[in-house]
Amino acid sequence: MSRIISELEVAALKREHSALDDEIFKWRQWWEQLNEMGQPHFGEMGDRLAHFREHLSSHFEHEESQGCLSLMKHLPEKGADQAEALRKEHPQLLGELDHLISQLQQCEPAFTCWGSAREEFETFLDQLNSHEESEDALLEQLQ
Protein backbone atom coordinates (compact mmCIF):
# COMPACT_ATOMS: atom_id res chain seq x y z
CA MET A 1 0.00 0.00 0.00
CA SER A 2 1.36 3.41 -0.85
CA ARG A 3 1.75 5.96 1.89
CA ILE A 4 -1.47 7.99 2.35
CA ILE A 5 -0.26 10.53 4.87
CA SER A 6 3.22 11.47 5.93
CA GLU A 7 5.05 9.89 8.83
CA LEU A 8 5.06 13.30 10.52
CA GLU A 9 1.26 13.50 10.31
CA VAL A 10 0.89 10.00 11.73
CA ALA A 11 3.35 10.83 14.50
CA ALA A 12 1.37 13.96 15.39
CA LEU A 13 -1.88 12.00 15.56
CA LYS A 14 -0.22 9.34 17.71
CA ARG A 15 1.12 12.02 20.06
CA GLU A 16 -2.41 13.34 20.48
CA HIS A 17 -3.61 9.84 21.40
CA SER A 18 -0.66 9.35 23.73
CA ALA A 19 -1.53 12.61 25.52
CA LEU A 20 -5.09 11.36 25.99
CA ASP A 21 -3.73 8.04 27.33
CA ASP A 22 -1.68 10.00 29.86
CA GLU A 23 -4.77 11.96 30.85
CA ILE A 24 -6.76 8.75 31.34
CA PHE A 25 -3.97 7.43 33.58
CA LYS A 26 -4.00 10.64 35.65
CA TRP A 27 -7.78 10.42 36.05
CA ARG A 28 -7.43 6.91 37.40
CA GLN A 29 -4.74 8.05 39.85
CA TRP A 30 -6.76 11.03 41.03
CA TRP A 31 -9.90 8.95 41.57
CA GLU A 32 -7.88 6.39 43.53
CA GLN A 33 -6.45 9.13 45.72
CA LEU A 34 -9.95 10.46 46.43
CA ASN A 35 -11.07 6.95 47.29
CA GLU A 36 -8.20 6.46 49.71
CA MET A 37 -8.95 9.75 51.49
CA GLY A 38 -12.49 8.52 52.07
CA GLN A 39 -14.08 11.93 51.63
CA PRO A 40 -15.39 12.21 48.09
CA HIS A 41 -16.33 15.65 46.78
CA PHE A 42 -19.11 14.92 44.32
CA GLY A 43 -19.53 18.48 43.06
CA GLU A 44 -15.80 18.89 42.46
CA MET A 45 -15.61 15.58 40.60
CA GLY A 46 -18.62 16.55 38.48
CA ASP A 47 -17.02 19.91 37.65
CA ARG A 48 -13.71 18.29 36.74
CA LEU A 49 -15.43 15.71 34.57
CA ALA A 50 -17.39 18.48 32.83
CA HIS A 51 -14.05 20.08 31.91
CA PHE A 52 -12.71 16.70 30.75
CA ARG A 53 -15.86 16.25 28.67
CA GLU A 54 -15.18 19.53 26.83
CA HIS A 55 -11.60 18.45 26.18
CA LEU A 56 -12.75 15.04 24.94
CA SER A 57 -15.40 16.62 22.70
CA SER A 58 -12.71 18.83 21.12
CA HIS A 59 -10.48 15.79 20.66
CA PHE A 60 -13.26 13.90 18.88
CA GLU A 61 -14.10 16.89 16.66
CA HIS A 62 -10.44 17.16 15.68
CA GLU A 63 -10.26 13.47 14.84
CA GLU A 64 -13.32 13.74 12.64
CA SER A 65 -12.22 16.90 10.84
CA GLN A 66 -8.42 16.53 10.65
CA GLY A 67 -7.41 13.31 12.39
CA CYS A 68 -7.46 9.64 11.55
CA LEU A 69 -11.24 9.50 11.11
CA SER A 70 -11.16 12.29 8.53
CA LEU A 71 -9.00 10.04 6.34
CA MET A 72 -11.54 7.21 6.07
CA LYS A 73 -11.79 7.55 2.30
CA HIS A 74 -8.14 6.49 2.01
CA LEU A 75 -8.63 3.24 3.91
CA PRO A 76 -9.52 -0.12 2.42
CA GLU A 77 -13.24 -0.92 2.77
CA LYS A 78 -12.83 -2.86 6.03
CA GLY A 79 -10.80 -0.02 7.54
CA ALA A 80 -13.33 2.56 6.40
CA ASP A 81 -16.11 0.54 8.05
CA GLN A 82 -14.08 0.37 11.27
CA ALA A 83 -13.45 4.10 11.16
CA GLU A 84 -17.14 4.82 10.68
CA ALA A 85 -18.00 2.59 13.65
CA LEU A 86 -15.43 4.46 15.77
CA ARG A 87 -16.85 7.81 14.66
CA LYS A 88 -20.29 6.66 15.80
CA GLU A 89 -18.85 5.84 19.24
CA HIS A 90 -17.95 9.49 19.87
CA PRO A 91 -21.46 10.69 20.78
CA GLN A 92 -22.05 7.50 22.77
CA LEU A 93 -18.92 8.05 24.85
CA LEU A 94 -19.80 11.70 25.45
CA GLY A 95 -23.33 10.67 26.44
CA GLU A 96 -21.98 8.22 29.00
CA LEU A 97 -19.77 10.93 30.45
CA ASP A 98 -22.73 13.35 30.54
CA HIS A 99 -24.73 10.75 32.48
CA LEU A 100 -21.94 10.29 35.00
CA ILE A 101 -21.53 14.06 35.45
CA SER A 102 -25.25 14.35 36.09
CA GLN A 103 -25.12 11.53 38.65
CA LEU A 104 -22.25 13.17 40.50
CA GLN A 105 -24.03 16.51 40.60
CA GLN A 106 -27.09 14.84 42.13
CA CYS A 107 -25.20 12.49 44.44
CA GLU A 108 -25.68 12.71 48.18
CA PRO A 109 -22.58 12.07 50.28
CA ALA A 110 -23.15 8.34 50.52
CA PHE A 111 -20.65 5.55 49.99
CA THR A 112 -22.96 3.57 47.70
CA CYS A 113 -23.29 6.49 45.30
CA TRP A 114 -19.54 7.08 45.30
CA GLY A 115 -18.79 3.42 44.69
CA SER A 116 -21.29 3.30 41.86
CA ALA A 117 -19.90 6.48 40.30
CA ARG A 118 -16.36 5.18 40.58
CA GLU A 119 -17.29 1.88 38.93
CA GLU A 120 -19.09 3.69 36.12
CA PHE A 121 -16.13 6.02 35.59
CA GLU A 122 -13.67 3.10 35.48
CA THR A 123 -15.87 1.39 32.89
CA PHE A 124 -15.99 4.60 30.89
CA LEU A 125 -12.20 4.97 30.99
CA ASP A 126 -11.80 1.36 29.85
CA GLN A 127 -14.15 1.99 26.91
CA LEU A 128 -12.37 5.22 26.01
CA ASN A 129 -8.98 3.51 26.16
CA SER A 130 -10.19 0.68 23.92
CA HIS A 131 -11.66 3.21 21.50
CA GLU A 132 -8.38 5.10 21.27
CA GLU A 133 -6.40 1.88 20.75
CA SER A 134 -8.71 1.01 17.83
CA GLU A 135 -8.09 4.42 16.32
CA ASP A 136 -4.34 3.88 16.67
CA ALA A 137 -4.74 0.62 14.72
CA LEU A 138 -6.40 2.62 11.93
CA LEU A 139 -3.46 5.00 11.90
CA GLU A 140 -1.20 2.05 11.16
CA GLN A 141 -3.28 1.31 8.06
CA LEU A 142 -2.69 4.85 6.78
CA GLN A 143 1.07 4.44 6.55
C-alpha atoms as a PDB file:
ATOM      1  CA  MET A   1       0.000   0.000   0.000  1.00  0.00           C
ATOM      2  CA  SER A   2       1.363   3.409  -0.849  1.00  0.00           C
ATOM      3  CA  ARG A   3       1.745   5.965   1.890  1.00  0.00           C
ATOM      4  CA  ILE A   4      -1.466   7.988   2.347  1.00  0.00           C
ATOM      5  CA  ILE A   5      -0.258  10.530   4.873  1.00  0.00           C
ATOM      6  CA  SER A   6       3.224  11.474   5.929  1.00  0.00           C
ATOM      7  CA  GLU A   7       5.047   9.886   8.827  1.00  0.00           C
ATOM      8  CA  LEU A   8       5.055  13.297  10.517  1.00  0.00           C
ATOM      9  CA  GLU A   9       1.264  13.501  10.309  1.00  0.00           C
ATOM     10  CA  VAL A  10       0.889  10.001  11.725  1.00  0.00           C
ATOM     11  CA  ALA A  11       3.351  10.833  14.496  1.00  0.00           C
ATOM     12  CA  ALA A  12       1.370  13.963  15.395  1.00  0.00           C
ATOM     13  CA  LEU A  13      -1.885  12.003  15.560  1.00  0.00           C
ATOM     14  CA  LYS A  14      -0.221   9.341  17.707  1.00  0.00           C
ATOM     15  CA  ARG A  15       1.124  12.023  20.058  1.00  0.00           C
ATOM     16  CA  GLU A  16      -2.407  13.335  20.484  1.00  0.00           C
ATOM     17  CA  HIS A  17      -3.608   9.842  21.397  1.00  0.00           C
ATOM     18  CA  SER A  18      -0.663   9.355  23.732  1.00  0.00           C
ATOM     19  CA  ALA A  19      -1.527  12.609  25.524  1.00  0.00           C
ATOM     20  CA  LEU A  20      -5.091  11.360  25.992  1.00  0.00           C
ATOM     21  CA  ASP A  21      -3.733   8.036  27.328  1.00  0.00           C
ATOM     22  CA  ASP A  22      -1.684  10.004  29.860  1.00  0.00           C
ATOM     23  CA  GLU A  23      -4.772  11.960  30.854  1.00  0.00           C
ATOM     24  CA  ILE A  24      -6.762   8.748  31.341  1.00  0.00           C
ATOM     25  CA  PHE A  25      -3.974   7.428  33.580  1.00  0.00           C
ATOM     26  CA  LYS A  26      -4.001  10.645  35.655  1.00  0.00           C
ATOM     27  CA  TRP A  27      -7.776  10.423  36.055  1.00  0.00           C
ATOM     28  CA  ARG A  28      -7.430   6.905  37.401  1.00  0.00           C
ATOM     29  CA  GLN A  29      -4.738   8.049  39.848  1.00  0.00           C
ATOM     30  CA  TRP A  30      -6.755  11.032  41.031  1.00  0.00           C
ATOM     31  CA  TRP A  31      -9.896   8.953  41.565  1.00  0.00           C
ATOM     32  CA  GLU A  32      -7.883   6.387  43.526  1.00  0.00           C
ATOM     33  CA  GLN A  33      -6.451   9.135  45.720  1.00  0.00           C
ATOM     34  CA  LEU A  34      -9.955  10.456  46.429  1.00  0.00           C
ATOM     35  CA  ASN A  35     -11.074   6.954  47.290  1.00  0.00           C
ATOM     36  CA  GLU A  36      -8.195   6.462  49.714  1.00  0.00           C
ATOM     37  CA  MET A  37      -8.949   9.750  51.491  1.00  0.00           C
ATOM     38  CA  GLY A  38     -12.486   8.521  52.069  1.00  0.00           C
ATOM     39  CA  GLN A  39     -14.080  11.931  51.627  1.00  0.00           C
ATOM     40  CA  PRO A  40     -15.394  12.215  48.089  1.00  0.00           C
ATOM     41  CA  HIS A  41     -16.334  15.647  46.783  1.00  0.00           C
ATOM     42  CA  PHE A  42     -19.106  14.924  44.318  1.00  0.00           C
ATOM     43  CA  GLY A  43     -19.526  18.476  43.055  1.00  0.00           C
ATOM     44  CA  GLU A  44     -15.801  18.888  42.462  1.00  0.00           C
ATOM     45  CA  MET A  45     -15.613  15.584  40.595  1.00  0.00           C
ATOM     46  CA  GLY A  46     -18.621  16.546  38.484  1.00  0.00           C
ATOM     47  CA  ASP A  47     -17.020  19.909  37.646  1.00  0.00           C
ATOM     48  CA  ARG A  48     -13.710  18.295  36.740  1.00  0.00           C
ATOM     49  CA  LEU A  49     -15.427  15.714  34.566  1.00  0.00           C
ATOM     50  CA  ALA A  50     -17.388  18.484  32.828  1.00  0.00           C
ATOM     51  CA  HIS A  51     -14.046  20.081  31.910  1.00  0.00           C
ATOM     52  CA  PHE A  52     -12.706  16.699  30.752  1.00  0.00           C
ATOM     53  CA  ARG A  53     -15.864  16.250  28.671  1.00  0.00           C
ATOM     54  CA  GLU A  54     -15.184  19.525  26.830  1.00  0.00           C
ATOM     55  CA  HIS A  55     -11.600  18.446  26.177  1.00  0.00           C
ATOM     56  CA  LEU A  56     -12.753  15.044  24.937  1.00  0.00           C
ATOM     57  CA  SER A  57     -15.395  16.623  22.701  1.00  0.00           C
ATOM     58  CA  SER A  58     -12.709  18.833  21.118  1.00  0.00           C
ATOM     59  CA  HIS A  59     -10.478  15.791  20.656  1.00  0.00           C
ATOM     60  CA  PHE A  60     -13.260  13.903  18.876  1.00  0.00           C
ATOM     61  CA  GLU A  61     -14.100  16.889  16.663  1.00  0.00           C
ATOM     62  CA  HIS A  62     -10.442  17.162  15.681  1.00  0.00           C
ATOM     63  CA  GLU A  63     -10.261  13.466  14.836  1.00  0.00           C
ATOM     64  CA  GLU A  64     -13.325  13.744  12.645  1.00  0.00           C
ATOM     65  CA  SER A  65     -12.217  16.902  10.843  1.00  0.00           C
ATOM     66  CA  GLN A  66      -8.424  16.529  10.647  1.00  0.00           C
ATOM     67  CA  GLY A  67      -7.407  13.314  12.392  1.00  0.00           C
ATOM     68  CA  CYS A  68      -7.465   9.642  11.547  1.00  0.00           C
ATOM     69  CA  LEU A  69     -11.242   9.505  11.112  1.00  0.00           C
ATOM     70  CA  SER A  70     -11.163  12.288   8.533  1.00  0.00           C
ATOM     71  CA  LEU A  71      -8.999  10.045   6.338  1.00  0.00           C
ATOM     72  CA  MET A  72     -11.538   7.210   6.068  1.00  0.00           C
ATOM     73  CA  LYS A  73     -11.792   7.552   2.303  1.00  0.00           C
ATOM     74  CA  HIS A  74      -8.145   6.486   2.013  1.00  0.00           C
ATOM     75  CA  LEU A  75      -8.632   3.236   3.909  1.00  0.00           C
ATOM     76  CA  PRO A  76      -9.518  -0.117   2.420  1.00  0.00           C
ATOM     77  CA  GLU A  77     -13.238  -0.924   2.770  1.00  0.00           C
ATOM     78  CA  LYS A  78     -12.825  -2.863   6.025  1.00  0.00           C
ATOM     79  CA  GLY A  79     -10.799  -0.018   7.545  1.00  0.00           C
ATOM     80  CA  ALA A  80     -13.330   2.559   6.400  1.00  0.00           C
ATOM     81  CA  ASP A  81     -16.106   0.539   8.051  1.00  0.00           C
ATOM     82  CA  GLN A  82     -14.082   0.367  11.273  1.00  0.00           C
ATOM     83  CA  ALA A  83     -13.446   4.101  11.155  1.00  0.00           C
ATOM     84  CA  GLU A  84     -17.144   4.822  10.681  1.00  0.00           C
ATOM     85  CA  ALA A  85     -17.996   2.588  13.652  1.00  0.00           C
ATOM     86  CA  LEU A  86     -15.434   4.458  15.771  1.00  0.00           C
ATOM     87  CA  ARG A  87     -16.846   7.814  14.659  1.00  0.00           C
ATOM     88  CA  LYS A  88     -20.287   6.663  15.803  1.00  0.00           C
ATOM     89  CA  GLU A  89     -18.853   5.838  19.238  1.00  0.00           C
ATOM     90  CA  HIS A  90     -17.946   9.485  19.872  1.00  0.00           C
ATOM     91  CA  PRO A  91     -21.461  10.694  20.778  1.00  0.00           C
ATOM     92  CA  GLN A  92     -22.054   7.504  22.770  1.00  0.00           C
ATOM     93  CA  LEU A  93     -18.920   8.053  24.854  1.00  0.00           C
ATOM     94  CA  LEU A  94     -19.803  11.697  25.447  1.00  0.00           C
ATOM     95  CA  GLY A  95     -23.332  10.670  26.436  1.00  0.00           C
ATOM     96  CA  GLU A  96     -21.983   8.218  29.001  1.00  0.00           C
ATOM     97  CA  LEU A  97     -19.773  10.928  30.448  1.00  0.00           C
ATOM     98  CA  ASP A  98     -22.734  13.353  30.539  1.00  0.00           C
ATOM     99  CA  HIS A  99     -24.730  10.750  32.481  1.00  0.00           C
ATOM    100  CA  LEU A 100     -21.935  10.289  35.004  1.00  0.00           C
ATOM    101  CA  ILE A 101     -21.532  14.059  35.455  1.00  0.00           C
ATOM    102  CA  SER A 102     -25.252  14.348  36.087  1.00  0.00           C
ATOM    103  CA  GLN A 103     -25.121  11.527  38.649  1.00  0.00           C
ATOM    104  CA  LEU A 104     -22.247  13.172  40.502  1.00  0.00           C
ATOM    105  CA  GLN A 105     -24.027  16.509  40.599  1.00  0.00           C
ATOM    106  CA  GLN A 106     -27.090  14.844  42.132  1.00  0.00           C
ATOM    107  CA  CYS A 107     -25.199  12.495  44.444  1.00  0.00           C
ATOM    108  CA  GLU A 108     -25.679  12.707  48.179  1.00  0.00           C
ATOM    109  CA  PRO A 109     -22.585  12.071  50.283  1.00  0.00           C
ATOM    110  CA  ALA A 110     -23.154   8.343  50.523  1.00  0.00           C
ATOM    111  CA  PHE A 111     -20.651   5.551  49.985  1.00  0.00           C
ATOM    112  CA  THR A 112     -22.959   3.573  47.703  1.00  0.00           C
ATOM    113  CA  CYS A 113     -23.286   6.485  45.303  1.00  0.00           C
ATOM    114  CA  TRP A 114     -19.539   7.083  45.304  1.00  0.00           C
ATOM    115  CA  GLY A 115     -18.787   3.422  44.693  1.00  0.00           C
ATOM    116  CA  SER A 116     -21.293   3.296  41.860  1.00  0.00           C
ATOM    117  CA  ALA A 117     -19.895   6.482  40.296  1.00  0.00           C
ATOM    118  CA  ARG A 118     -16.355   5.181  40.580  1.00  0.00           C
ATOM    119  CA  GLU A 119     -17.289   1.876  38.931  1.00  0.00           C
ATOM    120  CA  GLU A 120     -19.091   3.695  36.120  1.00  0.00           C
ATOM    121  CA  PHE A 121     -16.129   6.015  35.586  1.00  0.00           C
ATOM    122  CA  GLU A 122     -13.669   3.103  35.477  1.00  0.00           C
ATOM    123  CA  THR A 123     -15.872   1.389  32.894  1.00  0.00           C
ATOM    124  CA  PHE A 124     -15.995   4.604  30.891  1.00  0.00           C
ATOM    125  CA  LEU A 125     -12.199   4.975  30.989  1.00  0.00           C
ATOM    126  CA  ASP A 126     -11.800   1.357  29.853  1.00  0.00           C
ATOM    127  CA  GLN A 127     -14.154   1.987  26.912  1.00  0.00           C
ATOM    128  CA  LEU A 128     -12.370   5.217  26.006  1.00  0.00           C
ATOM    129  CA  ASN A 129      -8.980   3.509  26.160  1.00  0.00           C
ATOM    130  CA  SER A 130     -10.185   0.678  23.920  1.00  0.00           C
ATOM    131  CA  HIS A 131     -11.665   3.212  21.501  1.00  0.00           C
ATOM    132  CA  GLU A 132      -8.378   5.101  21.272  1.00  0.00           C
ATOM    133  CA  GLU A 133      -6.401   1.878  20.745  1.00  0.00           C
ATOM    134  CA  SER A 134      -8.709   1.007  17.828  1.00  0.00           C
ATOM    135  CA  GLU A 135      -8.087   4.424  16.324  1.00  0.00           C
ATOM    136  CA  ASP A 136      -4.340   3.876  16.673  1.00  0.00           C
ATOM    137  CA  ALA A 137      -4.737   0.621  14.723  1.00  0.00           C
ATOM    138  CA  LEU A 138      -6.403   2.616  11.928  1.00  0.00           C
ATOM    139  CA  LEU A 139      -3.460   5.000  11.900  1.00  0.00           C
ATOM    140  CA  GLU A 140      -1.200   2.052  11.163  1.00  0.00           C
ATOM    141  CA  GLN A 141      -3.281   1.311   8.056  1.00  0.00           C
ATOM    142  CA  LEU A 142      -2.689   4.846   6.778  1.00  0.00           C
ATOM    143  CA  GLN A 143       1.067   4.444   6.547  1.00  0.00           C
END
